[in-house]
Amino acid sequence: MGKRKTRILFADDEPAIRMTLPAILQQEGFEVSVAATGPDVITGDQIKGATRHGQERYRQGYTAQRIAIEARLLHSVISRVLHKHLLSIDMSTCISDIMLMGEGLHEEFEESIRAFEEQ
């Protein structure tokens, strides 16, 4: 069985960016879902996925600290991908979107920890 791809939700209100940056992330091996606006970012499915993530990590014997390290590593990988493709990305239009993506990751991380602690 192959290694599961890391899933990322990418949100941007600029159509051109929604067409370019997710393609770069997919080339780097990520499974990318695309949303146009902030309200689309954290949906019930993402919350359910984060809940399942926390519950699964509990069953796997993780600690809350290890989940935090996992989240930090994901953030680091995303940063490296952006850095690697810096010349092909118009950062002036991406900065707010990168911040929005970070906020979405934090919300999912918080839900994952909540679900973990409820076990």
Foldseek 3Di string as FASTA:
>chain_A
DDDDAAEAEFEAQDPVCQVPPVVLVVVVRHHYHYYHDLVVLDDPVLLVVLLVLLVVCLVVVHDLVVLVVVLVVVLVVVVVSCVVCVVVDPVVRCVVRNVSSVVSSVVSSVSSNVSNVVD
